[in-house]
Amino acid sequence: MKKTLLTSAALGLMAGPVAAAEAPLMIGVTMTGEAAAQVAIDGDQFVLPDEQERMSAALQALPDKSRPVTIAVLGKVAAPYRVIGGILYLTQSAGFTQITVLNEPPAG
C-alpha cells in the first residue's frame, strides 16, 4: 500500500475555514437604441456612451474590488459586442477581476 504525504500548505488549505460566497455586484444592461444602453449599478442609472466617465468614476468608488461582478444583458434587443465590451473594459479598469456576463436572448 502506497502512502501519500500532504505538504503543510495543503493541510492548511484543507483545515482552513470556508468563507461564505459573496453576493455579486449586479450590473444591469438594457439597450435603448442601436448604440445606446441603459446601465444600472447599485441603484444608479447611466446612459452609455454619454455617461461613460460618470459610470467609470462610480465603479472606481465602489469598495471591495475582489467581489465578483455579474453583467446581466436584458431586454428584447440584442446588445452589440462593442457595448458589452465597453462595459467589461470599464469594470476591469476599475479593478474588478471576477466578471461574468449573462445574456437573455432576444425573443423571436
PDB file of N, CA and C in Angstrom:
ATOM      1  N   MET A   1       0.833  -1.166   0.000  1.00  0.00           N
ATOM      2  CA  MET A   1       0.000   0.000   0.000  1.00  0.00           C
ATOM      3  C   MET A   1       0.883   1.236   0.000  1.00  0.00           C
ATOM      4  N   LYS A   2       0.620   2.122  -0.912  1.00  0.00           N
ATOM      5  CA  LYS A   2       1.411   3.336  -1.066  1.00  0.00           C
ATOM      6  C   LYS A   2       0.833   4.438  -0.187  1.00  0.00           C
ATOM      7  N   LYS A   3       1.707   5.136   0.551  1.00  0.00           N
ATOM      8  CA  LYS A   3       1.261   6.226   1.412  1.00  0.00           C
ATOM      9  C   LYS A   3       1.536   7.553   0.723  1.00  0.00           C
ATOM     10  N   THR A   4       0.593   8.472   0.857  1.00  0.00           N
ATOM     11  CA  THR A   4       0.737   9.795   0.266  1.00  0.00           C
ATOM     12  C   THR A   4       0.865  10.813   1.392  1.00  0.00           C
ATOM     13  N   LEU A   5       1.906  11.625   1.319  1.00  0.00           N
ATOM     14  CA  LEU A   5       2.103  12.666   2.310  1.00  0.00           C
ATOM     15  C   LEU A   5       1.642  14.000   1.732  1.00  0.00           C
ATOM     16  N   LEU A   6       0.920  14.749   2.502  1.00  0.00           N
ATOM     17  CA  LEU A   6       0.485  16.074   2.083  1.00  0.00           C
ATOM     18  C   LEU A   6       1.420  17.114   2.674  1.00  0.00           C
ATOM     19  N   THR A   7       1.713  18.121   1.909  1.00  0.00           N
ATOM     20  CA  THR A   7       2.557  19.197   2.421  1.00  0.00           C
ATOM     21  C   THR A   7       1.782  19.994   3.456  1.00  0.00           C
ATOM     22  N   SER A   8       2.514  20.756   4.260  1.00  0.00           N
ATOM     23  CA  SER A   8       1.848  21.554   5.291  1.00  0.00           C
ATOM     24  C   SER A   8       0.937  22.602   4.661  1.00  0.00           C
ATOM     25  N   ALA A   9       1.295  23.100   3.482  1.00  0.00           N
ATOM     26  CA  ALA A   9       0.439  24.075   2.802  1.00  0.00           C
ATOM     27  C   ALA A   9      -0.895  23.447   2.419  1.00  0.00           C
ATOM     28  N   ALA A  10      -0.839  22.217   1.910  1.00  0.00           N
ATOM     29  CA  ALA A  10      -2.075  21.533   1.529  1.00  0.00           C
ATOM     30  C   ALA A  10      -2.917  21.227   2.760  1.00  0.00           C
ATOM     31  N   LEU A  11      -2.272  20.831   3.853  1.00  0.00           N
ATOM     32  CA  LEU A  11      -3.017  20.577   5.085  1.00  0.00           C
ATOM     33  C   LEU A  11      -3.681  21.850   5.588  1.00  0.00           C
ATOM     34  N   GLY A  12      -2.973  22.978   5.486  1.00  0.00           N
ATOM     35  CA  GLY A  12      -3.532  24.258   5.921  1.00  0.00           C
ATOM     36  C   GLY A  12      -4.736  24.649   5.093  1.00  0.00           C
ATOM     37  N   LEU A  13      -4.695  24.374   3.803  1.00  0.00           N
ATOM     38  CA  LEU A  13      -5.829  24.696   2.945  1.00  0.00           C
ATOM     39  C   LEU A  13      -7.042  23.856   3.297  1.00  0.00           C
ATOM     40  N   MET A  14      -6.796  22.599   3.622  1.00  0.00           N
ATOM     41  CA  MET A  14      -7.903  21.714   3.950  1.00  0.00           C
ATOM     42  C   MET A  14      -8.512  22.058   5.306  1.00  0.00           C
ATOM     43  N   ALA A  15      -7.678  22.510   6.248  1.00  0.00           N
ATOM     44  CA  ALA A  15      -8.161  22.770   7.600  1.00  0.00           C
ATOM     45  C   ALA A  15      -8.725  24.170   7.769  1.00  0.00           C
ATOM     46  N   GLY A  16      -8.487  25.054   6.796  1.00  0.00           N
ATOM     47  CA  GLY A  16      -8.932  26.443   6.917  1.00  0.00           C
ATOM     48  C   GLY A  16     -10.432  26.572   6.837  1.00  0.00           C
ATOM     49  N   PRO A  17     -10.974  27.654   7.408  1.00  0.00           N
ATOM     50  CA  PRO A  17     -12.418  27.859   7.359  1.00  0.00           C
ATOM     51  C   PRO A  17     -12.881  28.182   5.932  1.00  0.00           C
ATOM     52  N   VAL A  18     -14.073  27.792   5.634  1.00  0.00           N
ATOM     53  CA  VAL A  18     -14.646  28.051   4.317  1.00  0.00           C
ATOM     54  C   VAL A  18     -15.444  29.345   4.401  1.00  0.00           C
ATOM     55  N   ALA A  19     -15.058  30.318   3.580  1.00  0.00           N
ATOM     56  CA  ALA A  19     -15.736  31.608   3.589  1.00  0.00           C
ATOM     57  C   ALA A  19     -17.058  31.511   2.828  1.00  0.00           C
ATOM     58  N   ALA A  20     -18.036  32.258   3.291  1.00  0.00           N
ATOM     59  CA  ALA A  20     -19.329  32.301   2.601  1.00  0.00           C
ATOM     60  C   ALA A  20     -19.157  33.039   1.276  1.00  0.00           C
ATOM     61  N   ALA A  21     -19.841  32.590   0.261  1.00  0.00           N
ATOM     62  CA  ALA A  21     -19.757  33.223  -1.051  1.00  0.00           C
ATOM     63  C   ALA A  21     -20.363  34.621  -0.999  1.00  0.00           C
ATOM     64  N   GLU A  22     -19.633  35.570  -1.575  1.00  0.00           N
ATOM     65  CA  GLU A  22     -20.125  36.937  -1.604  1.00  0.00           C
ATOM     66  C   GLU A  22     -21.194  37.082  -2.687  1.00  0.00           C
ATOM     67  N   ALA A  23     -22.168  37.920  -2.396  1.00  0.00           N
ATOM     68  CA  ALA A  23     -23.180  38.217  -3.410  1.00  0.00           C
ATOM     69  C   ALA A  23     -22.515  39.088  -4.472  1.00  0.00           C
ATOM     70  N   PRO A  24     -22.688  38.742  -5.742  1.00  0.00           N
ATOM     71  CA  PRO A  24     -22.026  39.527  -6.784  1.00  0.00           C
ATOM     72  C   PRO A  24     -22.645  40.910  -6.942  1.00  0.00           C
ATOM     73  N   LEU A  25     -21.830  41.836  -7.401  1.00  0.00           N
ATOM     74  CA  LEU A  25     -22.307  43.152  -7.790  1.00  0.00           C
ATOM     75  C   LEU A  25     -23.022  42.967  -9.122  1.00  0.00           C
ATOM     76  N   MET A  26     -24.291  43.340  -9.179  1.00  0.00           N
ATOM     77  CA  MET A  26     -25.068  43.177 -10.408  1.00  0.00           C
ATOM     78  C   MET A  26     -25.028  44.466 -11.225  1.00  0.00           C
ATOM     79  N   ILE A  27     -24.691  44.332 -12.492  1.00  0.00           N
ATOM     80  CA  ILE A  27     -24.725  45.449 -13.437  1.00  0.00           C
ATOM     81  C   ILE A  27     -25.745  45.067 -14.500  1.00  0.00           C
ATOM     82  N   GLY A  28     -26.877  45.775 -14.526  1.00  0.00           N
ATOM     83  CA  GLY A  28     -27.927  45.505 -15.497  1.00  0.00           C
ATOM     84  C   GLY A  28     -27.746  46.358 -16.741  1.00  0.00           C
ATOM     85  N   VAL A  29     -27.880  45.754 -17.901  1.00  0.00           N
ATOM     86  CA  VAL A  29     -27.708  46.454 -19.176  1.00  0.00           C
ATOM     87  C   VAL A  29     -28.948  46.231 -20.035  1.00  0.00           C
ATOM     88  N   THR A  30     -29.564  47.333 -20.476  1.00  0.00           N
ATOM     89  CA  THR A  30     -30.713  47.268 -21.374  1.00  0.00           C
ATOM     90  C   THR A  30     -30.429  48.195 -22.547  1.00  0.00           C
ATOM     91  N   MET A  31     -30.548  47.686 -23.750  1.00  0.00           N
ATOM     92  CA  MET A  31     -30.313  48.506 -24.941  1.00  0.00           C
ATOM     93  C   MET A  31     -31.468  49.481 -25.133  1.00  0.00           C
ATOM     94  N   THR A  32     -31.135  50.751 -25.391  1.00  0.00           N
ATOM     95  CA  THR A  32     -32.152  51.778 -25.621  1.00  0.00           C
ATOM     96  C   THR A  32     -32.120  52.289 -27.057  1.00  0.00           C
ATOM     97  N   GLY A  33     -31.239  51.774 -27.854  1.00  0.00           N
ATOM     98  CA  GLY A  33     -31.102  52.151 -29.258  1.00  0.00           C
ATOM     99  C   GLY A  33     -30.057  51.238 -29.876  1.00  0.00           C
ATOM    100  N   GLU A  34     -29.630  51.556 -31.094  1.00  0.00           N
ATOM    101  CA  GLU A  34     -28.650  50.705 -31.755  1.00  0.00           C
ATOM    102  C   GLU A  34     -27.286  50.739 -31.079  1.00  0.00           C
ATOM    103  N   ALA A  35     -26.911  51.894 -30.526  1.00  0.00           N
ATOM    104  CA  ALA A  35     -25.588  52.013 -29.899  1.00  0.00           C
ATOM    105  C   ALA A  35     -25.667  52.595 -28.499  1.00  0.00           C
ATOM    106  N   ALA A  36     -26.859  52.726 -27.942  1.00  0.00           N
ATOM    107  CA  ALA A  36     -27.017  53.307 -26.605  1.00  0.00           C
ATOM    108  C   ALA A  36     -27.557  52.248 -25.648  1.00  0.00           C
ATOM    109  N   ALA A  37     -27.071  52.308 -24.419  1.00  0.00           N
ATOM    110  CA  ALA A  37     -27.505  51.331 -23.425  1.00  0.00           C
ATOM    111  C   ALA A  37     -27.771  52.027 -22.095  1.00  0.00           C
ATOM    112  N   GLN A  38     -28.772  51.541 -21.389  1.00  0.00           N
ATOM    113  CA  GLN A  38     -29.076  51.984 -20.029  1.00  0.00           C
ATOM    114  C   GLN A  38     -28.402  50.981 -19.093  1.00  0.00           C
ATOM    115  N   VAL A  39     -27.565  51.476 -18.184  1.00  0.00           N
ATOM    116  CA  VAL A  39     -26.815  50.619 -17.271  1.00  0.00           C
ATOM    117  C   VAL A  39     -27.210  50.961 -15.844  1.00  0.00           C
ATOM    118  N   ALA A  40     -27.516  49.937 -15.043  1.00  0.00           N
ATOM    119  CA  ALA A  40     -27.892  50.124 -13.638  1.00  0.00           C
ATOM    120  C   ALA A  40     -26.855  49.446 -12.747  1.00  0.00           C
ATOM    121  N   ILE A  41     -26.295  50.244 -11.811  1.00  0.00           N
ATOM    122  CA  ILE A  41     -25.313  49.725 -10.858  1.00  0.00           C
ATOM    123  C   ILE A  41     -25.698  50.226  -9.479  1.00  0.00           C
ATOM    124  N   ASP A  42     -26.057  49.328  -8.578  1.00  0.00           N
ATOM    125  CA  ASP A  42     -26.415  49.690  -7.196  1.00  0.00           C
ATOM    126  C   ASP A  42     -27.389  50.865  -7.116  1.00  0.00           C
ATOM    127  N   GLY A  43     -28.415  50.860  -7.939  1.00  0.00           N
ATOM    128  CA  GLY A  43     -29.429  51.907  -7.897  1.00  0.00           C
ATOM    129  C   GLY A  43     -29.111  53.138  -8.725  1.00  0.00           C
ATOM    130  N   ASP A  44     -27.876  53.278  -9.204  1.00  0.00           N
ATOM    131  CA  ASP A  44     -27.512  54.400 -10.071  1.00  0.00           C
ATOM    132  C   ASP A  44     -27.756  54.006 -11.521  1.00  0.00           C
ATOM    133  N   GLN A  45     -28.232  54.962 -12.321  1.00  0.00           N
ATOM    134  CA  GLN A  45     -28.517  54.725 -13.735  1.00  0.00           C
ATOM    135  C   GLN A  45     -27.540  55.520 -14.593  1.00  0.00           C
ATOM    136  N   PHE A  46     -27.054  54.910 -15.652  1.00  0.00           N
ATOM    137  CA  PHE A  46     -26.129  55.554 -16.575  1.00  0.00           C
ATOM    138  C   PHE A  46     -26.588  55.256 -18.001  1.00  0.00           C
ATOM    139  N   VAL A  47     -26.447  56.221 -18.896  1.00  0.00           N
ATOM    140  CA  VAL A  47     -26.744  56.019 -20.311  1.00  0.00           C
ATOM    141  C   VAL A  47     -25.409  56.062 -21.046  1.00  0.00           C
ATOM    142  N   LEU A  48     -25.077  54.943 -21.646  1.00  0.00           N
ATOM    143  CA  LEU A  48     -23.812  54.875 -22.391  1.00  0.00           C
ATOM    144  C   LEU A  48     -24.077  55.053 -23.875  1.00  0.00           C
ATOM    145  N   PRO A  49     -23.216  55.693 -24.591  1.00  0.00           N
ATOM    146  CA  PRO A  49     -21.868  56.115 -24.247  1.00  0.00           C
ATOM    147  C   PRO A  49     -21.774  57.492 -23.597  1.00  0.00           C
ATOM    148  N   ASP A  50     -22.874  58.231 -23.456  1.00  0.00           N
ATOM    149  CA  ASP A  50     -22.827  59.615 -22.975  1.00  0.00           C
ATOM    150  C   ASP A  50     -22.273  59.769 -21.563  1.00  0.00           C
ATOM    151  N   GLU A  51     -22.562  58.836 -20.684  1.00  0.00           N
ATOM    152  CA  GLU A  51     -22.157  58.958 -19.281  1.00  0.00           C
ATOM    153  C   GLU A  51     -21.055  57.970 -18.900  1.00  0.00           C
ATOM    154  N   GLN A  52     -20.184  57.690 -19.840  1.00  0.00           N
ATOM    155  CA  GLN A  52     -19.111  56.722 -19.630  1.00  0.00           C
ATOM    156  C   GLN A  52     -18.181  57.148 -18.492  1.00  0.00           C
ATOM    157  N   GLU A  53     -17.794  58.422 -18.434  1.00  0.00           N
ATOM    158  CA  GLU A  53     -16.882  58.893 -17.386  1.00  0.00           C
ATOM    159  C   GLU A  53     -17.530  58.810 -16.015  1.00  0.00           C
ATOM    160  N   ARG A  54     -18.800  59.147 -15.918  1.00  0.00           N
ATOM    161  CA  ARG A  54     -19.516  59.088 -14.637  1.00  0.00           C
ATOM    162  C   ARG A  54     -19.649  57.640 -14.163  1.00  0.00           C
ATOM    163  N   MET A  55     -19.918  56.722 -15.090  1.00  0.00           N
ATOM    164  CA  MET A  55     -20.009  55.308 -14.729  1.00  0.00           C
ATOM    165  C   MET A  55     -18.648  54.780 -14.274  1.00  0.00           C
ATOM    166  N   SER A  56     -17.589  55.166 -14.956  1.00  0.00           N
ATOM    167  CA  SER A  56     -16.245  54.746 -14.579  1.00  0.00           C
ATOM    168  C   SER A  56     -15.906  55.226 -13.169  1.00  0.00           C
ATOM    169  N   ALA A  57     -16.231  56.478 -12.868  1.00  0.00           N
ATOM    170  CA  ALA A  57     -15.969  57.024 -11.529  1.00  0.00           C
ATOM    171  C   ALA A  57     -16.784  56.288 -10.470  1.00  0.00           C
ATOM    172  N   ALA A  58     -18.031  55.946 -10.780  1.00  0.00           N
ATOM    173  CA  ALA A  58     -18.883  55.226  -9.832  1.00  0.00           C
ATOM    174  C   ALA A  58     -18.334  53.822  -9.561  1.00  0.00           C
ATOM    175  N   LEU A  59     -17.845  53.148 -10.594  1.00  0.00           N
ATOM    176  CA  LEU A  59     -17.262  51.820 -10.415  1.00  0.00           C
ATOM    177  C   LEU A  59     -15.984  51.894  -9.580  1.00  0.00           C
ATOM    178  N   GLN A  60     -15.155  52.905  -9.833  1.00  0.00           N
ATOM    179  CA  GLN A  60     -13.911  53.039  -9.091  1.00  0.00           C
ATOM    180  C   GLN A  60     -14.164  53.388  -7.631  1.00  0.00           C
ATOM    181  N   ALA A  61     -15.284  54.033  -7.332  1.00  0.00           N
ATOM    182  CA  ALA A  61     -15.605  54.410  -5.959  1.00  0.00           C
ATOM    183  C   ALA A  61     -16.155  53.242  -5.137  1.00  0.00           C
ATOM    184  N   LEU A  62     -16.550  52.170  -5.795  1.00  0.00           N
ATOM    185  CA  LEU A  62     -17.105  51.022  -5.072  1.00  0.00           C
ATOM    186  C   LEU A  62     -16.012  50.304  -4.282  1.00  0.00           C
ATOM    187  N   PRO A  63     -16.313  49.895  -3.041  1.00  0.00           N
ATOM    188  CA  PRO A  63     -15.328  49.154  -2.261  1.00  0.00           C
ATOM    189  C   PRO A  63     -15.285  47.680  -2.675  1.00  0.00           C
ATOM    190  N   ASP A  64     -14.324  46.962  -2.139  1.00  0.00           N
ATOM    191  CA  ASP A  64     -14.201  45.514  -2.300  1.00  0.00           C
ATOM    192  C   ASP A  64     -14.098  45.090  -3.764  1.00  0.00           C
ATOM    193  N   LYS A  65     -12.964  45.385  -4.350  1.00  0.00           N
ATOM    194  CA  LYS A  65     -12.735  45.043  -5.758  1.00  0.00           C
ATOM    195  C   LYS A  65     -12.603  43.533  -5.991  1.00  0.00           C
ATOM    196  N   SER A  66     -12.453  42.758  -4.906  1.00  0.00           N
ATOM    197  CA  SER A  66     -12.365  41.306  -5.069  1.00  0.00           C
ATOM    198  C   SER A  66     -13.747  40.661  -5.198  1.00  0.00           C
ATOM    199  N   ARG A  67     -14.789  41.455  -4.997  1.00  0.00           N
ATOM    200  CA  ARG A  67     -16.171  40.977  -5.109  1.00  0.00           C
ATOM    201  C   ARG A  67     -16.469  40.586  -6.561  1.00  0.00           C
ATOM    202  N   PRO A  68     -17.141  39.455  -6.779  1.00  0.00           N
ATOM    203  CA  PRO A  68     -17.487  39.086  -8.158  1.00  0.00           C
ATOM    204  C   PRO A  68     -18.528  40.050  -8.748  1.00  0.00           C
ATOM    205  N   VAL A  69     -18.475  40.210 -10.053  1.00  0.00           N
ATOM    206  CA  VAL A  69     -19.376  41.108 -10.775  1.00  0.00           C
ATOM    207  C   VAL A  69     -20.130  40.296 -11.821  1.00  0.00           C
ATOM    208  N   THR A  70     -21.438  40.528 -11.936  1.00  0.00           N
ATOM    209  CA  THR A  70     -22.238  39.914 -12.987  1.00  0.00           C
ATOM    210  C   THR A  70     -22.838  41.014 -13.848  1.00  0.00           C
ATOM    211  N   ILE A  71     -22.510  40.994 -15.126  1.00  0.00           N
ATOM    212  CA  ILE A  71     -23.098  41.923 -16.092  1.00  0.00           C
ATOM    213  C   ILE A  71     -24.260  41.179 -16.736  1.00  0.00           C
ATOM    214  N   ALA A  72     -25.480  41.622 -16.449  1.00  0.00           N
ATOM    215  CA  ALA A  72     -26.684  40.958 -16.958  1.00  0.00           C
ATOM    216  C   ALA A  72     -27.259  41.786 -18.107  1.00  0.00           C
ATOM    217  N   VAL A  73     -27.225  41.232 -19.310  1.00  0.00           N
ATOM    218  CA  VAL A  73     -27.747  41.900 -20.505  1.00  0.00           C
ATOM    219  C   VAL A  73     -29.204  41.487 -20.649  1.00  0.00           C
ATOM    220  N   LEU A  74     -30.100  42.453 -20.527  1.00  0.00           N
ATOM    221  CA  LEU A  74     -31.535  42.178 -20.540  1.00  0.00           C
ATOM    222  C   LEU A  74     -32.214  42.849 -21.719  1.00  0.00           C
ATOM    223  N   GLY A  75     -33.438  42.475 -21.981  1.00  0.00           N
ATOM    224  CA  GLY A  75     -34.230  43.167 -22.991  1.00  0.00           C
ATOM    225  C   GLY A  75     -34.444  42.367 -24.248  1.00  0.00           C
ATOM    226  N   LYS A  76     -35.203  42.964 -25.146  1.00  0.00           N
ATOM    227  CA  LYS A  76     -35.596  42.290 -26.380  1.00  0.00           C
ATOM    228  C   LYS A  76     -34.716  42.645 -27.562  1.00  0.00           C
ATOM    229  N   VAL A  77     -33.769  43.565 -27.366  1.00  0.00           N
ATOM    230  CA  VAL A  77     -32.883  43.970 -28.451  1.00  0.00           C
ATOM    231  C   VAL A  77     -31.500  43.404 -28.167  1.00  0.00           C
ATOM    232  N   ALA A  78     -30.889  42.781 -29.161  1.00  0.00           N
ATOM    233  CA  ALA A  78     -29.546  42.232 -28.995  1.00  0.00           C
ATOM    234  C   ALA A  78     -28.544  43.352 -28.760  1.00  0.00           C
ATOM    235  N   ALA A  79     -27.645  43.149 -27.814  1.00  0.00           N
ATOM    236  CA  ALA A  79     -26.625  44.148 -27.495  1.00  0.00           C
ATOM    237  C   ALA A  79     -25.395  43.914 -28.360  1.00  0.00           C
ATOM    238  N   PRO A  80     -24.906  44.959 -29.040  1.00  0.00           N
ATOM    239  CA  PRO A  80     -23.689  44.791 -29.845  1.00  0.00           C
ATOM    240  C   PRO A  80     -22.489  44.477 -28.947  1.00  0.00           C
ATOM    241  N   TYR A  81     -21.533  43.746 -29.500  1.00  0.00           N
ATOM    242  CA  TYR A  81     -20.333  43.399 -28.745  1.00  0.00           C
ATOM    243  C   TYR A  81     -19.596  44.636 -28.240  1.00  0.00           C
ATOM    244  N   ARG A  82     -19.580  45.718 -29.022  1.00  0.00           N
ATOM    245  CA  ARG A  82     -18.836  46.912 -28.605  1.00  0.00           C
ATOM    246  C   ARG A  82     -19.428  47.529 -27.345  1.00  0.00           C
ATOM    247  N   VAL A  83     -20.730  47.407 -27.138  1.00  0.00           N
ATOM    248  CA  VAL A  83     -21.356  47.947 -25.931  1.00  0.00           C
ATOM    249  C   VAL A  83     -20.969  47.097 -24.723  1.00  0.00           C
ATOM    250  N   ILE A  84     -21.113  45.785 -24.838  1.00  0.00           N
ATOM    251  CA  ILE A  84     -20.771  44.890 -23.733  1.00  0.00           C
ATOM    252  C   ILE A  84     -19.269  44.932 -23.483  1.00  0.00           C
ATOM    253  N   GLY A  85     -18.479  44.973 -24.541  1.00  0.00           N
ATOM    254  CA  GLY A  85     -17.025  45.085 -24.393  1.00  0.00           C
ATOM    255  C   GLY A  85     -16.617  46.362 -23.681  1.00  0.00           C
ATOM    256  N   GLY A  86     -17.316  47.458 -23.963  1.00  0.00           N
ATOM    257  CA  GLY A  86     -17.034  48.733 -23.292  1.00  0.00           C
ATOM    258  C   GLY A  86     -17.334  48.666 -21.804  1.00  0.00           C
ATOM    259  N   ILE A  87     -18.454  48.034 -21.453  1.00  0.00           N
ATOM    260  CA  ILE A  87     -18.821  47.889 -20.043  1.00  0.00           C
ATOM    261  C   ILE A  87     -17.827  46.969 -19.342  1.00  0.00           C
ATOM    262  N   LEU A  88     -17.437  45.902 -20.008  1.00  0.00           N
ATOM    263  CA  LEU A  88     -16.443  44.980 -19.467  1.00  0.00           C
ATOM    264  C   LEU A  88     -15.111  45.708 -19.238  1.00  0.00           C
ATOM    265  N   TYR A  89     -14.702  46.523 -20.196  1.00  0.00           N
ATOM    266  CA  TYR A  89     -13.457  47.291 -20.074  1.00  0.00           C
ATOM    267  C   TYR A  89     -13.520  48.267 -18.896  1.00  0.00           C
ATOM    268  N   LEU A  90     -14.629  49.001 -18.753  1.00  0.00           N
ATOM    269  CA  LEU A  90     -14.770  49.940 -17.638  1.00  0.00           C
ATOM    270  C   LEU A  90     -14.726  49.216 -16.291  1.00  0.00           C
ATOM    271  N   THR A  91     -15.358  48.052 -16.229  1.00  0.00           N
ATOM    272  CA  THR A  91     -15.387  47.271 -14.989  1.00  0.00           C
ATOM    273  C   THR A  91     -13.994  46.767 -14.638  1.00  0.00           C
ATOM    274  N   GLN A  92     -13.267  46.256 -15.619  1.00  0.00           N
ATOM    275  CA  GLN A  92     -11.905  45.784 -15.374  1.00  0.00           C
ATOM    276  C   GLN A  92     -10.977  46.948 -15.029  1.00  0.00           C
ATOM    277  N   SER A  93     -11.154  48.086 -15.684  1.00  0.00           N
ATOM    278  CA  SER A  93     -10.328  49.260 -15.408  1.00  0.00           C
ATOM    279  C   SER A  93     -10.531  49.779 -13.987  1.00  0.00           C
ATOM    280  N   ALA A  94     -11.712  49.537 -13.423  1.00  0.00           N
ATOM    281  CA  ALA A  94     -12.000  49.961 -12.056  1.00  0.00           C
ATOM    282  C   ALA A  94     -11.360  49.031 -11.030  1.00  0.00           C
ATOM    283  N   GLY A  95     -10.819  47.888 -11.478  1.00  0.00           N
ATOM    284  CA  GLY A  95     -10.117  46.992 -10.574  1.00  0.00           C
ATOM    285  C   GLY A  95     -10.823  45.679 -10.288  1.00  0.00           C
ATOM    286  N   PHE A  96     -11.985  45.457 -10.865  1.00  0.00           N
ATOM    287  CA  PHE A  96     -12.696  44.195 -10.657  1.00  0.00           C
ATOM    288  C   PHE A  96     -12.103  43.135 -11.583  1.00  0.00           C
ATOM    289  N   THR A  97     -11.921  41.923 -11.055  1.00  0.00           N
ATOM    290  CA  THR A  97     -11.289  40.871 -11.856  1.00  0.00           C
ATOM    291  C   THR A  97     -12.185  39.663 -12.094  1.00  0.00           C
ATOM    292  N   GLN A  98     -13.169  39.432 -11.237  1.00  0.00           N
ATOM    293  CA  GLN A  98     -14.075  38.288 -11.387  1.00  0.00           C
ATOM    294  C   GLN A  98     -15.371  38.764 -12.032  1.00  0.00           C
ATOM    295  N   ILE A  99     -15.445  38.669 -13.351  1.00  0.00           N
ATOM    296  CA  ILE A  99     -16.584  39.228 -14.081  1.00  0.00           C
ATOM    297  C   ILE A  99     -17.260  38.132 -14.896  1.00  0.00           C
ATOM    298  N   THR A 100     -18.573  38.064 -14.762  1.00  0.00           N
ATOM    299  CA  THR A 100     -19.383  37.108 -15.526  1.00  0.00           C
ATOM    300  C   THR A 100     -20.386  37.907 -16.351  1.00  0.00           C
ATOM    301  N   VAL A 101     -20.623  37.481 -17.580  1.00  0.00           N
ATOM    302  CA  VAL A 101     -21.611  38.140 -18.439  1.00  0.00           C
ATOM    303  C   VAL A 101     -22.741  37.150 -18.680  1.00  0.00           C
ATOM    304  N   LEU A 102     -23.967  37.562 -18.327  1.00  0.00           N
ATOM    305  CA  LEU A 102     -25.164  36.763 -18.579  1.00  0.00           C
ATOM    306  C   LEU A 102     -25.964  37.447 -19.677  1.00  0.00           C
ATOM    307  N   ASN A 103     -26.519  36.668 -20.572  1.00  0.00           N
ATOM    308  CA  ASN A 103     -27.281  37.230 -21.690  1.00  0.00           C
ATOM    309  C   ASN A 103     -28.657  36.583 -21.747  1.00  0.00           C
ATOM    310  N   GLU A 104     -29.661  37.408 -21.803  1.00  0.00           N
ATOM    311  CA  GLU A 104     -31.033  36.936 -22.033  1.00  0.00           C
ATOM    312  C   GLU A 104     -31.280  37.106 -23.523  1.00  0.00           C
ATOM    313  N   PRO A 105     -31.352  36.012 -24.290  1.00  0.00           N
ATOM    314  CA  PRO A 105     -31.509  36.156 -25.737  1.00  0.00           C
ATOM    315  C   PRO A 105     -32.815  36.859 -26.113  1.00  0.00           C
ATOM    316  N   PRO A 106     -32.771  37.659 -27.190  1.00  0.00           N
ATOM    317  CA  PRO A 106     -33.979  38.335 -27.634  1.00  0.00           C
ATOM    318  C   PRO A 106     -35.052  37.326 -28.049  1.00  0.00           C
ATOM    319  N   ALA A 107     -36.302  37.644 -27.777  1.00  0.00           N
ATOM    320  CA  ALA A 107     -37.417  36.759 -28.148  1.00  0.00           C
ATOM    321  C   ALA A 107     -37.595  36.769 -29.662  1.00  0.00           C
ATOM    322  N   GLY A 108     -37.927  35.614 -30.190  1.00  0.00           N
ATOM    323  CA  GLY A 108     -38.247  35.551 -31.612  1.00  0.00           C
ATOM    324  C   GLY A 108     -37.240  34.888 -32.347  1.00  0.00           C
TER     325      GLY A 108
END
